[in-house]
Protein backbone atom coordinates (compact mmCIF):
# COMPACT_ATOMS: atom_id res chain seq x y z
CA MET A 1 -19.08 -28.03 31.53
CA PHE A 2 -19.76 -25.61 28.56
CA ASN A 3 -16.01 -25.47 27.72
CA ARG A 4 -15.79 -29.23 27.74
CA LEU A 5 -18.74 -29.53 25.41
CA GLU A 6 -17.11 -27.07 23.07
CA ARG A 7 -13.87 -28.98 23.15
CA ASP A 8 -15.72 -32.31 22.49
CA HIS A 9 -17.63 -30.67 19.62
CA ALA A 10 -14.44 -29.29 18.10
CA ARG A 11 -12.81 -32.69 18.32
CA PHE A 12 -15.77 -34.32 16.68
CA ARG A 13 -15.69 -31.80 13.89
CA GLN A 14 -12.01 -32.53 13.37
CA ILE A 15 -12.67 -36.25 13.23
CA VAL A 16 -15.43 -35.64 10.79
CA ARG A 17 -13.33 -33.38 8.56
CA GLY A 18 -10.43 -36.03 8.57
CA LYS A 19 -12.93 -38.72 7.50
CA ILE A 20 -14.41 -36.62 4.81
CA LYS A 21 -10.96 -35.68 3.43
CA GLN A 22 -10.02 -39.28 3.37
CA GLU A 23 -13.08 -40.12 1.35
CA LEU A 24 -13.18 -36.93 -0.70
CA LYS A 25 -12.14 -38.68 -3.96
CA LYS A 26 -14.95 -41.14 -3.56
CA TYR A 27 -17.42 -38.40 -2.91
CA ILE A 28 -16.31 -36.48 -5.95
CA SER A 29 -16.39 -39.60 -8.10
CA SER A 30 -19.79 -40.78 -7.01
CA GLY A 31 -21.74 -37.58 -7.48
CA GLU A 32 -23.87 -38.46 -4.57
CA LEU A 33 -23.35 -35.13 -2.84
CA ILE A 34 -25.15 -33.21 -5.47
CA GLY A 35 -28.47 -34.75 -4.51
CA ARG A 36 -27.81 -34.01 -0.87
CA GLN A 37 -27.19 -30.29 -1.43
CA GLY A 38 -29.22 -27.72 0.52
CA LYS A 39 -28.86 -23.96 0.28
CA ASP A 40 -25.64 -23.61 2.22
CA LEU A 41 -25.02 -27.14 3.63
CA ILE A 42 -24.42 -30.59 2.31
CA SER A 43 -25.34 -33.82 4.08
CA ILE A 44 -22.54 -36.31 3.94
CA PRO A 45 -22.86 -40.01 5.09
CA LEU A 46 -20.12 -40.55 7.71
CA PRO A 47 -18.23 -43.87 7.45
CA GLN A 48 -18.69 -46.05 10.53
CA ILE A 49 -16.87 -49.07 12.01
CA ALA A 50 -19.01 -52.31 12.18
CA ILE A 51 -18.26 -54.08 15.43
CA PRO A 52 -18.08 -57.86 14.92
CA HIS A 53 -20.66 -59.87 16.92
CA PHE A 54 -22.09 -63.41 17.03
CA CYS A 55 -25.51 -64.11 15.32
CA TYR A 56 -27.39 -66.79 17.05
CA GLY A 57 -29.96 -68.73 15.04
CA GLU A 58 -33.27 -70.05 16.25
CA GLN A 59 -33.86 -73.63 17.23
CA GLN A 60 -36.33 -75.91 15.30
CA THR A 61 -36.31 -73.55 12.26
CA GLY A 62 -35.34 -76.24 9.78
CA GLY A 63 -32.31 -75.89 7.57
CA VAL A 64 -29.36 -78.24 6.93
CA GLY A 65 -26.94 -79.33 9.60
CA GLN A 66 -24.60 -82.32 8.94
CA GLY A 67 -25.47 -84.90 6.29
CA GLU A 68 -27.28 -84.67 3.12
CA GLY A 69 -30.19 -82.29 2.40
CA GLU A 70 -32.99 -82.05 -0.10
CA PRO A 71 -32.51 -79.62 -3.09
CA GLY A 72 -34.21 -76.31 -2.35
CA THR A 73 -34.05 -76.73 1.48
CA PRO A 74 -33.47 -73.19 3.05
CA LEU A 75 -30.20 -72.82 4.96
CA GLY A 76 -31.72 -70.37 7.48
CA PRO A 77 -34.16 -67.48 7.85
CA GLY A 78 -33.75 -64.72 5.30
CA GLN A 79 -33.01 -61.05 6.07
CA GLY A 80 -35.83 -59.12 7.65
CA GLY A 81 -38.85 -60.44 9.42
CA ARG A 82 -40.43 -63.74 8.54
CA GLY A 83 -43.87 -63.67 7.06
CA PRO A 84 -46.19 -60.87 6.37
CA GLY A 85 -46.54 -57.72 8.43
CA ALA A 86 -44.03 -55.37 10.09
CA GLY A 87 -40.72 -56.77 11.26
CA ASP A 88 -39.49 -56.49 14.91
CA GLN A 89 -35.73 -56.25 14.24
CA PRO A 90 -33.67 -53.00 14.17
CA GLY A 91 -32.15 -51.92 10.90
CA ASP A 92 -28.86 -50.39 9.99
CA HIS A 93 -28.76 -46.58 10.20
CA ILE A 94 -26.03 -44.46 8.66
CA LEU A 95 -24.98 -41.32 10.47
CA GLU A 96 -25.01 -38.18 8.33
CA VAL A 97 -23.27 -34.85 9.12
CA GLU A 98 -23.84 -31.50 7.58
CA VAL A 99 -20.89 -29.67 6.16
CA SER A 100 -20.94 -26.13 4.69
CA LEU A 101 -20.16 -25.67 0.98
CA GLU A 102 -17.34 -23.31 1.96
CA GLU A 103 -15.77 -25.91 4.23
CA LEU A 104 -16.08 -28.58 1.57
CA ALA A 105 -14.49 -26.32 -1.01
CA MET A 106 -11.50 -25.65 1.39
CA MET A 107 -11.02 -29.38 1.77
CA LEU A 108 -11.01 -29.64 -2.07
CA GLY A 109 -8.39 -26.92 -2.36
CA GLU A 110 -6.22 -28.60 0.33
CA GLU A 111 -6.64 -32.03 -1.33
CA LEU A 112 -5.69 -30.70 -4.86
CA GLU A 113 -3.33 -28.04 -3.56
CA LEU A 114 -5.10 -25.35 -5.55
CA PRO A 115 -3.67 -21.92 -5.31
CA ARG A 116 -5.82 -18.86 -4.47
CA ILE A 117 -7.26 -17.17 -7.57
CA GLN A 118 -5.95 -13.67 -8.24
CA PRO A 119 -9.08 -11.86 -9.52
CA LYS A 120 -9.01 -9.06 -12.06
CA GLY A 121 -11.28 -6.07 -12.78
CA GLU A 122 -13.08 -3.50 -10.74
CA LYS A 123 -15.88 -5.84 -9.68
CA ASN A 124 -13.52 -7.31 -7.08
CA ILE A 125 -14.18 -4.15 -4.94
CA THR A 126 -16.78 -4.62 -2.27
CA SER A 127 -18.87 -1.53 -1.97
CA GLN A 128 -20.12 0.03 1.32
CA LYS A 129 -23.69 0.96 1.88
CA ASP A 130 -24.47 3.23 4.85
CA ARG A 131 -27.62 2.31 6.85
CA TYR A 132 -28.93 4.37 9.75
CA THR A 133 -29.43 1.56 12.30
CA ASP A 134 -27.70 2.90 15.35
CA ILE A 135 -28.17 5.73 17.89
CA SER A 136 -25.41 8.07 19.02
CA GLN A 137 -25.08 10.72 21.75
CA THR A 138 -23.42 13.15 19.28
CA GLY A 139 -24.15 14.19 15.80
CA PRO A 140 -25.42 16.90 13.46
CA GLU A 141 -28.71 18.51 14.25
CA SER A 142 -30.07 17.27 10.84
CA LEU A 143 -29.86 13.76 12.16
CA ARG A 144 -31.34 14.39 15.61
CA HIS A 145 -33.90 11.66 16.58
CA PHE A 146 -36.75 13.86 18.02
CA ARG A 147 -38.85 11.04 19.49
CA ARG A 148 -35.99 9.28 21.23
CA THR A 149 -34.70 12.66 22.50
CA TYR A 150 -38.22 13.55 23.91
CA LYS A 151 -38.59 10.16 25.56
CA LYS A 152 -35.23 10.41 27.26
CA ALA A 153 -35.99 14.01 28.49
CA LEU A 154 -39.44 12.86 29.75
CA ARG A 155 -37.93 9.91 31.59
CA ARG A 156 -35.28 12.13 33.21
CA GLN A 157 -37.97 14.63 34.43
CA LEU A 158 -40.19 11.83 35.78
CA ILE A 159 -37.34 10.23 37.78
CA SER A 160 -36.14 13.53 39.17
CA GLY A 161 -39.72 14.74 40.06
CA GLN A 162 -39.45 17.79 37.66
CA TYR A 163 -42.41 16.71 35.55
CA ASP A 164 -45.64 18.61 36.36
CA PRO A 165 -48.83 16.99 34.85
CA ARG A 166 -50.57 20.30 35.15
CA ARG A 167 -48.01 21.96 33.04
CA PRO A 168 -46.71 19.18 30.77
CA GLN A 169 -43.60 20.88 29.43
CA VAL A 170 -40.60 18.71 28.49
CA ILE A 171 -37.35 20.55 27.80
CA PRO A 172 -34.52 18.37 26.58
CA THR A 173 -30.98 19.12 27.78
CA ARG A 174 -27.72 18.50 26.04
CA LYS A 175 -27.49 14.97 27.66
CA ASP A 176 -30.86 14.07 26.38
CA GLN A 177 -30.01 14.57 22.74
CA GLN A 178 -30.20 11.47 20.53
CA TYR A 179 -28.93 11.27 16.94
CA ARG A 180 -29.19 8.76 14.19
CA SER A 181 -25.97 6.97 13.48
CA TRP A 182 -25.11 4.94 10.41
CA LYS A 183 -23.34 1.66 10.07
CA ALA A 184 -21.28 0.67 7.00
CA ILE A 185 -22.67 -2.54 5.55
CA PRO A 186 -20.40 -4.34 3.08
CA ARG A 187 -22.31 -5.11 -0.22
CA PRO A 188 -20.39 -7.51 -2.40
CA GLU A 189 -20.76 -7.07 -6.14
CA SER A 190 -21.20 -9.96 -8.48
CA THR A 191 -17.49 -10.54 -9.22
CA ALA A 192 -17.49 -13.60 -11.56
CA VAL A 193 -19.52 -15.22 -14.15
CA ILE A 194 -19.29 -18.86 -15.28
CA ILE A 195 -20.52 -19.72 -18.80
CA TYR A 196 -21.08 -23.48 -19.21
CA MET A 197 -21.35 -24.91 -22.75
CA MET A 198 -22.26 -28.49 -23.38
CA ASP A 199 -22.56 -30.60 -26.55
CA VAL A 200 -26.03 -32.25 -26.64
CA SER A 201 -25.72 -33.87 -30.01
CA GLY A 202 -26.62 -37.58 -30.55
CA SER A 203 -23.35 -38.90 -29.33
CA MET A 204 -23.66 -37.38 -25.84
CA GLY A 205 -25.84 -39.63 -23.69
CA ASP A 206 -27.09 -39.48 -20.01
CA GLU A 207 -23.75 -40.90 -18.70
CA GLN A 208 -21.80 -38.16 -20.36
CA LYS A 209 -24.18 -35.44 -19.08
CA ASP A 210 -24.02 -36.75 -15.58
CA LEU A 211 -20.13 -36.44 -15.72
CA VAL A 212 -20.55 -32.79 -16.81
CA ARG A 213 -23.07 -32.15 -13.99
CA THR A 214 -20.64 -33.55 -11.36
CA ALA A 215 -17.75 -31.59 -12.68
CA ALA A 216 -19.83 -28.35 -12.82
CA PHE A 217 -20.82 -28.83 -9.18
CA TRP A 218 -17.18 -28.86 -8.02
CA ILE A 219 -16.33 -26.02 -10.32
CA ASP A 220 -19.08 -23.95 -8.72
CA THR A 221 -18.10 -25.07 -5.16
CA TRP A 222 -14.43 -23.82 -5.60
CA LEU A 223 -15.16 -20.59 -7.40
CA CYS A 224 -17.75 -19.61 -4.86
CA THR A 225 -14.97 -19.46 -2.19
CA GLN A 226 -12.80 -17.17 -4.43
CA TYR A 227 -15.43 -14.55 -5.26
CA ALA A 228 -18.00 -12.53 -3.39
CA GLY A 229 -20.74 -13.33 -5.95
CA ILE A 230 -21.09 -15.80 -8.77
CA GLU A 231 -23.41 -15.76 -11.79
CA SER A 232 -23.94 -18.74 -13.99
CA ARG A 233 -25.12 -18.93 -17.66
CA TYR A 234 -25.73 -22.16 -19.64
CA ILE A 235 -25.44 -22.80 -23.39
CA ALA A 236 -26.46 -26.17 -25.06
CA HIS A 237 -25.57 -26.85 -28.58
CA ASP A 238 -25.71 -29.43 -31.26
CA ALA A 239 -25.51 -28.00 -34.77
CA GLU A 240 -26.96 -24.81 -33.25
CA ALA A 241 -26.48 -23.17 -29.89
CA ARG A 242 -29.05 -21.68 -27.53
CA GLU A 243 -29.02 -20.27 -24.05
CA VAL A 244 -30.97 -22.44 -21.54
CA ASP A 245 -31.53 -22.48 -17.79
CA GLN A 246 -29.71 -24.86 -15.43
CA GLU A 247 -32.42 -27.49 -15.35
CA ALA A 248 -32.81 -27.66 -19.19
CA PHE A 249 -28.99 -27.77 -19.43
CA TYR A 250 -28.75 -31.12 -17.81
CA ARG A 251 -32.06 -32.58 -18.88
CA ILE A 252 -32.26 -31.65 -22.55
CA ARG A 253 -32.53 -34.66 -24.87
CA GLU A 254 -29.60 -35.28 -27.09
CA GLY A 255 -29.84 -35.35 -30.83
CA GLY A 256 -28.70 -33.86 -34.12
CA GLY A 257 -25.20 -33.02 -35.42
CA THR A 258 -22.47 -31.01 -33.94
CA GLN A 259 -21.10 -27.51 -34.66
CA ILE A 260 -19.09 -26.31 -31.73
CA SER A 261 -18.39 -22.90 -33.24
CA SER A 262 -22.06 -22.02 -32.71
CA ALA A 263 -21.65 -22.25 -28.90
CA TYR A 264 -18.49 -20.18 -28.94
CA ARG A 265 -20.05 -17.52 -31.04
CA LEU A 266 -23.11 -17.23 -28.65
CA CYS A 267 -20.72 -17.29 -25.68
CA GLY A 268 -19.00 -14.25 -27.15
CA GLU A 269 -22.31 -12.53 -27.82
CA LEU A 270 -23.25 -13.05 -24.09
CA ILE A 271 -20.07 -11.53 -22.93
CA GLU A 272 -20.36 -8.57 -25.29
CA ALA A 273 -23.93 -7.86 -24.21
CA HIS A 274 -23.81 -8.46 -20.32
CA PHE A 275 -20.24 -9.01 -19.01
CA ASP A 276 -17.67 -6.17 -19.48
CA PRO A 277 -14.33 -7.96 -19.26
CA ALA A 278 -12.95 -4.90 -17.42
CA GLU A 279 -15.33 -5.52 -14.54
CA TRP A 280 -16.12 -9.13 -14.66
CA ASN A 281 -13.92 -12.29 -14.05
CA ILE A 282 -15.10 -14.57 -16.84
CA TYR A 283 -14.79 -18.36 -16.78
CA CYS A 284 -15.87 -20.46 -19.80
CA PHE A 285 -16.11 -24.19 -19.62
CA HIS A 286 -17.02 -26.36 -22.68
CA PHE A 287 -17.80 -30.04 -22.36
CA SER A 288 -18.00 -32.34 -25.34
CA ASP A 289 -17.00 -35.78 -26.64
CA GLY A 290 -14.91 -34.07 -29.14
CA ASP A 291 -16.95 -35.13 -32.12
CA ASN A 292 -17.21 -32.10 -34.42
CA GLN A 293 -17.61 -31.35 -38.14
CA THR A 294 -14.03 -31.17 -39.71
CA GLU A 295 -14.73 -27.99 -41.53
CA ASP A 296 -15.95 -26.42 -38.23
CA ASN A 297 -12.75 -26.96 -36.32
CA SER A 298 -10.91 -23.96 -37.96
CA ARG A 299 -13.97 -21.70 -37.27
CA CYS A 300 -13.81 -22.72 -33.62
CA LEU A 301 -10.15 -21.72 -33.28
CA GLU A 302 -10.78 -18.41 -35.12
CA VAL A 303 -13.70 -17.40 -32.74
CA LEU A 304 -11.67 -18.37 -29.63
CA GLU A 305 -8.72 -16.37 -30.74
CA GLN A 306 -10.66 -13.30 -31.96
CA ASP A 307 -13.66 -13.12 -29.57
CA LEU A 308 -13.04 -15.05 -26.38
CA LEU A 309 -9.57 -15.57 -25.14
CA GLY A 310 -8.63 -11.93 -24.69
CA LYS A 311 -11.61 -11.47 -22.43
CA VAL A 312 -11.71 -14.52 -20.10
CA ASN A 313 -9.70 -15.61 -17.08
CA LEU A 314 -9.94 -19.19 -18.13
CA PHE A 315 -11.31 -21.29 -21.01
CA GLY A 316 -11.61 -24.81 -19.87
CA TYR A 317 -12.37 -27.68 -22.29
CA GLY A 318 -13.39 -30.93 -20.72
CA GLN A 319 -13.55 -33.93 -23.20
CA VAL A 320 -15.78 -36.61 -21.79
CA HIS A 321 -15.48 -40.12 -23.16
CA SER A 322 -18.28 -41.40 -25.31
CA PRO A 323 -18.24 -44.68 -27.36
CA HIS A 324 -19.99 -42.78 -30.24
CA GLY A 325 -17.64 -39.71 -30.28
CA SER A 326 -14.38 -39.44 -32.23
CA GLY A 327 -12.57 -37.30 -29.61
CA GLY A 328 -10.73 -35.40 -32.24
CA PHE A 329 -11.49 -31.84 -31.24
CA SER A 330 -9.10 -31.84 -28.24
CA HIS A 331 -6.25 -32.38 -30.75
CA GLU A 332 -7.35 -29.26 -32.59
CA LEU A 333 -7.13 -27.30 -29.38
CA GLN A 334 -3.64 -28.59 -28.39
CA ARG A 335 -1.91 -25.94 -30.48
CA LEU A 336 -3.87 -23.12 -29.04
CA ALA A 337 -3.36 -24.40 -25.49
CA ALA A 338 0.34 -24.34 -26.04
CA GLU A 339 0.28 -20.70 -27.15
CA ARG A 340 -2.32 -19.31 -24.60
CA GLU A 341 -2.07 -20.08 -21.00
CA GLU A 342 -5.85 -19.43 -20.36
CA VAL A 343 -6.76 -22.51 -22.46
CA ILE A 344 -6.75 -25.66 -20.36
CA ILE A 345 -7.69 -29.08 -21.72
CA ALA A 346 -8.82 -31.94 -19.44
CA GLN A 347 -9.73 -35.57 -20.41
CA ILE A 348 -12.69 -36.99 -18.43
CA ARG A 349 -13.00 -40.61 -19.35
CA GLY A 350 -14.87 -41.55 -16.14
CA ARG A 351 -15.84 -40.31 -12.71
CA GLU A 352 -12.40 -41.06 -11.26
CA GLU A 353 -10.88 -38.47 -13.50
CA ILE A 354 -13.18 -35.53 -12.38
CA LEU A 355 -10.67 -34.77 -9.57
CA GLU A 356 -7.76 -34.43 -12.01
CA ALA A 357 -9.84 -32.24 -14.32
CA ILE A 358 -10.53 -29.84 -11.52
CA ARG A 359 -6.78 -29.83 -10.71
CA ALA A 360 -5.97 -29.04 -14.27
CA PHE A 361 -8.51 -26.25 -14.63
CA PHE A 362 -7.44 -24.40 -11.44
CA GLY A 363 -3.95 -25.51 -10.80
CA LYS A 364 -2.53 -22.21 -12.21
CA GLY A 365 -4.58 -20.04 -10.01
CA ARG A 366 -6.41 -18.24 -12.77
């Protein structure tokens, strides 16, 4: 019976996985999974098949049959119960299943055919920490567990009848000796850092920030399967850049002009102060509508070439569509992207293009 239940559960999981993969593009585009995220699991509404059935009306409820009716005559009872008070009819309930973030990321990788990332740096090594959690029959005298040894010797003497309460002497033998033994516990290091930068100038509205939030969720989801630990930093900028926390990053009110180079300079300062490129895998993502001061474009390219590109695994620029933005900055980056393979440009004109942006960012396995 137990094996049968296991088989049925495995088959159910396969069906669920297949349904989720079929609808993955819709889930990515809608952004509804972000609100359903727990610590390690995500709740996903499972599509269901509606079985057709007849609906019988009630007699003597009025309405129109054959012939002419009066204007405003109702055609039948509305949905829900009639009149005040609680209804007595069942409602429609959607089945939800919980899927781990790791499993969801693997589905994403399969759907987009993303290659495994080849990390760099010493932080990829998982260190071992020894913890004395076990007991062994052999070991050095310095690790002998005196209390356990005494208790085992006492138990042996009591069972064999050798213990004399008048002369309570307990003498351990070689077989009674107990020693502390260690167990190697893998302790992963923080192996990667993601630095998100977003334009919060007046041309970036709530719709654009929501696109950034959805794209960042899937970037996090994928990278967390490639590294033992992830640290995230957030930079918001208009004409000036400042480091903020995650909540402020997505909720900060837009306003002011745009100077993208301020964000790139602050990003370089963060890397210099906290993230040694020899030890960290560094990912930088900048999202903007591409509206920047003309004289600042050359400064941006200069900061990228001199301070960032030699230190990062990937610099991804996602240009989100805005009716108020010029979108010209991506053209300035095209030359640099042609020369440096770590520079990736993606256009995000709507939710349906988030999937292609993720493919563009990670399709080279960087």
